[in-house]
């Protein structure tokens, strides 16, 4: 079952800052190009409504919720800029050598969209 909290007062404290949410150069470009509309982290990096700035472009955090890796679908992988869950999995494991991929492991999903001028 997906736990979709969207109000800040229902969420635990952030474990990092929004500036660290998307930092890999290829991922930054995917966000700017509209190919990546979410990122999953092992901690909570942003509040709903918070603004992330990447290369001078702004993106608003629309949703923040917890999800297990076993719940991931190809649609979720597409939010991450990948074609399939397997592609997303290999991408994550390449960034974090030795990290286990456990279906019960929970991550924080941060969904975002461009701020319109």
N, C-alpha and C. Protein backbone atom coordinates (compact mmCIF):
# COMPACT_ATOMS: atom_id res chain seq x y z
N UNK A 1 0.85 -1.19 0.00
CA UNK A 1 0.00 0.00 0.00
C UNK A 1 0.88 1.24 0.00
N UNK A 2 0.55 2.18 -0.84
CA UNK A 2 1.33 3.38 -0.95
C UNK A 2 0.90 4.39 0.10
N UNK A 3 1.85 4.97 0.76
CA UNK A 3 1.61 5.93 1.82
C UNK A 3 1.84 7.32 1.24
N UNK A 4 0.78 7.97 0.77
CA UNK A 4 0.96 9.25 0.09
C UNK A 4 0.59 10.43 0.98
N UNK A 5 1.54 10.84 1.80
CA UNK A 5 1.35 12.05 2.60
C UNK A 5 1.73 13.24 1.74
N UNK A 6 0.92 14.25 1.74
CA UNK A 6 1.28 15.43 0.95
C UNK A 6 1.34 16.69 1.80
N UNK A 7 0.96 16.62 3.05
CA UNK A 7 1.03 17.80 3.89
C UNK A 7 2.26 17.71 4.79
N UNK A 8 2.98 18.82 4.87
CA UNK A 8 4.22 18.85 5.62
C UNK A 8 4.05 18.39 7.06
N UNK A 9 2.94 18.75 7.72
CA UNK A 9 2.78 18.39 9.12
C UNK A 9 2.58 16.89 9.34
N UNK A 10 2.37 16.13 8.28
CA UNK A 10 2.23 14.68 8.40
C UNK A 10 3.56 13.96 8.16
N UNK A 11 4.56 14.69 7.72
CA UNK A 11 5.83 14.09 7.35
C UNK A 11 6.85 14.22 8.48
N UNK A 12 7.79 13.26 8.54
CA UNK A 12 8.86 13.40 9.51
C UNK A 12 9.80 14.53 9.09
N UNK A 13 10.69 14.94 9.98
CA UNK A 13 11.63 16.02 9.62
C UNK A 13 12.49 15.63 8.42
N UNK A 14 12.91 16.65 7.68
CA UNK A 14 13.80 16.41 6.53
C UNK A 14 15.15 15.89 7.06
N UNK A 15 15.78 15.04 6.24
CA UNK A 15 17.09 14.50 6.61
C UNK A 15 18.21 15.16 5.81
N UNK A 16 17.85 15.98 4.83
CA UNK A 16 18.82 16.67 3.99
C UNK A 16 18.13 17.91 3.42
N UNK A 17 18.84 18.63 2.56
CA UNK A 17 18.25 19.85 1.98
C UNK A 17 17.90 19.64 0.51
N UNK A 18 17.01 20.46 0.03
CA UNK A 18 16.54 20.35 -1.35
C UNK A 18 17.68 20.52 -2.35
N UNK A 19 18.72 21.25 -1.97
CA UNK A 19 19.86 21.44 -2.89
C UNK A 19 20.56 20.13 -3.23
N UNK A 20 20.37 19.11 -2.40
CA UNK A 20 21.00 17.80 -2.62
C UNK A 20 20.04 16.80 -3.28
N UNK A 21 18.84 17.25 -3.62
CA UNK A 21 17.82 16.33 -4.15
C UNK A 21 18.22 15.73 -5.50
N UNK A 22 18.62 16.56 -6.44
CA UNK A 22 19.06 16.09 -7.76
C UNK A 22 20.43 16.72 -8.01
N UNK A 23 21.48 15.90 -8.01
CA UNK A 23 22.84 16.43 -8.14
C UNK A 23 23.64 15.80 -9.27
N UNK A 24 23.27 14.60 -9.73
CA UNK A 24 24.00 13.93 -10.80
C UNK A 24 23.73 14.68 -12.10
N UNK A 25 24.79 15.07 -12.81
CA UNK A 25 24.66 15.91 -14.00
C UNK A 25 23.65 15.37 -15.02
N UNK A 26 23.69 14.06 -15.29
CA UNK A 26 22.75 13.50 -16.27
C UNK A 26 21.31 13.60 -15.76
N UNK A 27 21.10 13.45 -14.46
CA UNK A 27 19.76 13.59 -13.89
C UNK A 27 19.29 15.04 -13.93
N UNK A 28 20.20 15.98 -13.66
CA UNK A 28 19.85 17.40 -13.74
C UNK A 28 19.36 17.71 -15.16
N UNK A 29 20.06 17.21 -16.16
CA UNK A 29 19.66 17.47 -17.55
C UNK A 29 18.30 16.83 -17.86
N UNK A 30 18.05 15.63 -17.33
CA UNK A 30 16.76 14.97 -17.54
C UNK A 30 15.62 15.79 -16.93
N UNK A 31 15.86 16.39 -15.76
CA UNK A 31 14.84 17.25 -15.14
C UNK A 31 14.59 18.46 -16.02
N UNK A 32 15.65 19.12 -16.46
CA UNK A 32 15.51 20.32 -17.29
C UNK A 32 14.79 19.99 -18.59
N UNK A 33 15.08 18.82 -19.16
CA UNK A 33 14.45 18.41 -20.42
C UNK A 33 13.04 17.86 -20.24
N UNK A 34 12.57 17.74 -18.99
CA UNK A 34 11.23 17.24 -18.73
C UNK A 34 11.12 15.72 -18.75
N UNK A 35 12.25 15.03 -18.79
CA UNK A 35 12.25 13.56 -18.82
C UNK A 35 12.22 12.94 -17.43
N UNK A 36 12.54 13.72 -16.41
CA UNK A 36 12.57 13.23 -15.03
C UNK A 36 11.70 14.15 -14.20
N UNK A 37 10.65 13.59 -13.60
CA UNK A 37 9.69 14.40 -12.83
C UNK A 37 9.59 13.94 -11.37
N UNK A 38 10.48 13.02 -10.99
CA UNK A 38 10.50 12.54 -9.61
C UNK A 38 11.88 12.00 -9.29
N UNK A 39 12.21 11.99 -8.03
CA UNK A 39 13.43 11.33 -7.58
C UNK A 39 13.17 10.66 -6.25
N UNK A 40 13.79 9.51 -6.09
CA UNK A 40 13.64 8.72 -4.87
C UNK A 40 14.94 8.77 -4.10
N UNK A 41 14.82 9.01 -2.81
CA UNK A 41 15.98 9.11 -1.92
C UNK A 41 15.71 8.29 -0.67
N UNK A 42 16.79 7.94 0.03
CA UNK A 42 16.60 7.17 1.26
C UNK A 42 16.19 8.06 2.43
N UNK A 43 16.19 9.35 2.22
CA UNK A 43 15.72 10.29 3.23
C UNK A 43 14.80 11.31 2.59
N UNK A 44 14.25 12.17 3.42
CA UNK A 44 13.35 13.21 2.93
C UNK A 44 14.14 14.49 2.76
N UNK A 45 14.19 15.00 1.52
CA UNK A 45 15.03 16.15 1.17
C UNK A 45 14.24 17.44 0.96
N UNK A 46 12.92 17.35 0.87
CA UNK A 46 12.14 18.55 0.55
C UNK A 46 10.74 18.46 1.12
N UNK A 47 10.15 19.63 1.29
CA UNK A 47 8.75 19.75 1.69
C UNK A 47 7.92 20.05 0.45
N UNK A 48 6.64 19.70 0.49
CA UNK A 48 5.72 20.05 -0.59
C UNK A 48 5.71 21.58 -0.71
N UNK A 49 5.80 22.06 -1.93
CA UNK A 49 5.80 23.50 -2.18
C UNK A 49 7.18 24.12 -2.24
N UNK A 50 8.19 23.41 -1.78
CA UNK A 50 9.55 23.93 -1.80
C UNK A 50 10.04 24.01 -3.26
N UNK A 51 10.92 24.96 -3.53
CA UNK A 51 11.43 25.19 -4.88
C UNK A 51 12.87 24.70 -4.99
N UNK A 52 13.11 23.91 -6.05
CA UNK A 52 14.45 23.43 -6.37
C UNK A 52 14.92 24.21 -7.60
N UNK A 53 16.15 24.72 -7.57
CA UNK A 53 16.69 25.45 -8.70
C UNK A 53 17.83 24.64 -9.30
N UNK A 54 17.71 24.35 -10.60
CA UNK A 54 18.72 23.60 -11.35
C UNK A 54 19.10 24.42 -12.57
N UNK A 55 20.36 24.83 -12.63
CA UNK A 55 20.86 25.62 -13.76
C UNK A 55 19.95 26.80 -14.09
N UNK A 56 19.51 27.49 -13.04
CA UNK A 56 18.69 28.68 -13.21
C UNK A 56 17.22 28.44 -13.45
N UNK A 57 16.81 27.18 -13.56
CA UNK A 57 15.39 26.85 -13.77
C UNK A 57 14.81 26.34 -12.45
N UNK A 58 13.55 26.72 -12.21
CA UNK A 58 12.91 26.36 -10.93
C UNK A 58 11.88 25.25 -11.11
N UNK A 59 11.85 24.38 -10.09
CA UNK A 59 10.92 23.25 -10.06
C UNK A 59 10.30 23.19 -8.67
N UNK A 60 8.96 23.05 -8.63
CA UNK A 60 8.22 22.99 -7.37
C UNK A 60 7.99 21.54 -6.98
N UNK A 61 8.22 21.23 -5.71
CA UNK A 61 7.93 19.90 -5.19
C UNK A 61 6.42 19.80 -5.00
N UNK A 62 5.79 18.85 -5.71
CA UNK A 62 4.34 18.71 -5.69
C UNK A 62 3.86 17.66 -4.69
N UNK A 63 4.64 16.59 -4.54
CA UNK A 63 4.26 15.50 -3.64
C UNK A 63 5.52 14.93 -2.99
N UNK A 64 5.37 14.49 -1.76
CA UNK A 64 6.43 13.78 -1.04
C UNK A 64 5.75 12.64 -0.30
N UNK A 65 6.21 11.40 -0.57
CA UNK A 65 5.60 10.25 0.09
C UNK A 65 6.59 9.10 0.13
N UNK A 66 6.30 8.14 0.99
CA UNK A 66 7.13 6.96 1.16
C UNK A 66 6.62 5.84 0.26
N UNK A 67 7.57 5.04 -0.26
CA UNK A 67 7.23 3.94 -1.15
C UNK A 67 8.29 2.85 -0.98
N UNK A 68 7.89 1.59 -1.09
CA UNK A 68 8.87 0.51 -1.04
C UNK A 68 9.39 0.26 -2.45
N UNK A 69 10.62 -0.23 -2.55
CA UNK A 69 11.19 -0.54 -3.86
C UNK A 69 10.36 -1.60 -4.58
N UNK A 70 9.74 -2.49 -3.83
CA UNK A 70 8.90 -3.53 -4.42
C UNK A 70 7.63 -3.00 -5.06
N UNK A 71 7.24 -1.78 -4.73
CA UNK A 71 6.04 -1.16 -5.31
C UNK A 71 6.32 -0.47 -6.65
N UNK A 72 7.59 -0.33 -7.02
CA UNK A 72 7.94 0.39 -8.23
C UNK A 72 7.37 -0.29 -9.48
N UNK A 73 6.84 0.53 -10.37
CA UNK A 73 6.33 0.06 -11.65
C UNK A 73 7.13 0.75 -12.76
N UNK A 74 6.93 0.32 -13.99
CA UNK A 74 7.60 0.99 -15.10
C UNK A 74 7.17 2.45 -15.19
N UNK A 75 5.93 2.76 -14.80
CA UNK A 75 5.49 4.17 -14.79
C UNK A 75 6.32 4.99 -13.80
N UNK A 76 6.60 4.42 -12.63
CA UNK A 76 7.46 5.11 -11.66
C UNK A 76 8.86 5.30 -12.24
N UNK A 77 9.37 4.27 -12.93
CA UNK A 77 10.70 4.37 -13.55
C UNK A 77 10.72 5.49 -14.58
N UNK A 78 9.62 5.65 -15.32
CA UNK A 78 9.54 6.73 -16.32
C UNK A 78 9.60 8.09 -15.65
N UNK A 79 9.00 8.23 -14.46
CA UNK A 79 9.12 9.48 -13.70
C UNK A 79 10.59 9.79 -13.41
N UNK A 80 11.37 8.74 -13.26
CA UNK A 80 12.79 8.87 -12.93
C UNK A 80 13.66 9.06 -14.18
N UNK A 81 13.04 9.06 -15.35
CA UNK A 81 13.78 9.24 -16.58
C UNK A 81 14.33 7.94 -17.15
N UNK A 82 13.81 6.80 -16.69
CA UNK A 82 14.22 5.49 -17.18
C UNK A 82 13.04 4.82 -17.88
N UNK A 83 13.32 3.80 -18.69
CA UNK A 83 12.26 3.12 -19.42
C UNK A 83 11.55 2.06 -18.60
N UNK A 84 12.31 1.37 -17.74
CA UNK A 84 11.77 0.24 -16.98
C UNK A 84 12.30 0.27 -15.55
N UNK A 85 11.66 -0.50 -14.69
CA UNK A 85 12.15 -0.63 -13.31
C UNK A 85 13.57 -1.21 -13.32
N UNK A 86 13.82 -2.18 -14.18
CA UNK A 86 15.16 -2.78 -14.24
C UNK A 86 16.22 -1.75 -14.62
N UNK A 87 15.91 -0.90 -15.58
CA UNK A 87 16.85 0.16 -15.98
C UNK A 87 17.10 1.10 -14.80
N UNK A 88 16.03 1.49 -14.11
CA UNK A 88 16.16 2.36 -12.94
C UNK A 88 17.01 1.69 -11.86
N UNK A 89 16.72 0.42 -11.60
CA UNK A 89 17.47 -0.33 -10.60
C UNK A 89 18.97 -0.33 -10.93
N UNK A 90 19.32 -0.64 -12.17
CA UNK A 90 20.73 -0.68 -12.57
C UNK A 90 21.37 0.70 -12.45
N UNK A 91 20.62 1.73 -12.76
CA UNK A 91 21.12 3.10 -12.63
C UNK A 91 21.45 3.42 -11.18
N UNK A 92 20.53 3.11 -10.28
CA UNK A 92 20.74 3.38 -8.85
C UNK A 92 21.91 2.56 -8.31
N UNK A 93 21.96 1.30 -8.67
CA UNK A 93 23.03 0.44 -8.16
C UNK A 93 24.39 0.87 -8.71
N UNK A 94 24.44 1.50 -9.88
CA UNK A 94 25.71 2.00 -10.41
C UNK A 94 26.20 3.21 -9.60
N UNK A 95 25.27 3.99 -9.04
CA UNK A 95 25.64 5.14 -8.20
C UNK A 95 26.05 4.70 -6.80
N UNK A 96 25.50 3.57 -6.35
CA UNK A 96 25.72 3.10 -4.98
C UNK A 96 26.22 1.65 -4.99
N UNK A 97 27.47 1.43 -5.38
CA UNK A 97 28.00 0.06 -5.43
C UNK A 97 27.87 -0.64 -4.08
N UNK A 98 27.43 -1.89 -4.12
CA UNK A 98 27.29 -2.67 -2.89
C UNK A 98 25.96 -2.49 -2.19
N UNK A 99 25.16 -1.52 -2.64
CA UNK A 99 23.85 -1.31 -2.01
C UNK A 99 22.94 -2.47 -2.38
N UNK A 100 22.26 -3.03 -1.42
CA UNK A 100 21.29 -4.09 -1.75
C UNK A 100 20.02 -3.47 -2.34
N UNK A 101 19.37 -4.19 -3.20
CA UNK A 101 18.05 -3.78 -3.73
C UNK A 101 17.04 -4.71 -3.08
N UNK A 102 16.41 -4.23 -2.03
CA UNK A 102 15.48 -5.05 -1.27
C UNK A 102 14.05 -4.55 -1.49
N UNK A 103 13.14 -5.43 -1.92
CA UNK A 103 11.77 -5.00 -2.20
C UNK A 103 11.09 -4.29 -1.02
N UNK A 104 11.45 -4.65 0.21
CA UNK A 104 10.81 -4.02 1.38
C UNK A 104 11.47 -2.70 1.78
N UNK A 105 12.62 -2.37 1.17
CA UNK A 105 13.32 -1.12 1.51
C UNK A 105 12.44 0.06 1.10
N UNK A 106 12.27 1.01 2.02
CA UNK A 106 11.43 2.17 1.74
C UNK A 106 12.29 3.36 1.35
N UNK A 107 11.77 4.13 0.41
CA UNK A 107 12.43 5.35 -0.04
C UNK A 107 11.41 6.48 0.01
N UNK A 108 11.92 7.70 -0.06
CA UNK A 108 11.06 8.88 -0.12
C UNK A 108 10.98 9.34 -1.57
N UNK A 109 9.77 9.45 -2.08
CA UNK A 109 9.53 9.93 -3.43
C UNK A 109 9.28 11.43 -3.37
N UNK A 110 9.97 12.16 -4.22
CA UNK A 110 9.78 13.60 -4.35
C UNK A 110 9.35 13.85 -5.79
N UNK A 111 8.10 14.22 -6.02
CA UNK A 111 7.61 14.53 -7.36
C UNK A 111 7.63 16.04 -7.54
N UNK A 112 8.05 16.49 -8.71
CA UNK A 112 8.18 17.93 -8.95
C UNK A 112 7.78 18.29 -10.37
N UNK A 113 7.53 19.59 -10.57
CA UNK A 113 7.15 20.10 -11.89
C UNK A 113 7.77 21.47 -12.06
N UNK A 114 7.95 21.89 -13.34
CA UNK A 114 8.56 23.20 -13.58
C UNK A 114 7.66 24.33 -13.07
N UNK A 115 8.29 25.36 -12.54
CA UNK A 115 7.57 26.56 -12.13
C UNK A 115 7.38 27.39 -13.41
N UNK A 116 6.13 27.71 -13.70
CA UNK A 116 5.84 28.51 -14.90
C UNK A 116 6.05 29.98 -14.61
N UNK A 117 6.69 30.67 -15.55
CA UNK A 117 6.93 32.11 -15.39
C UNK A 117 5.66 32.92 -15.53
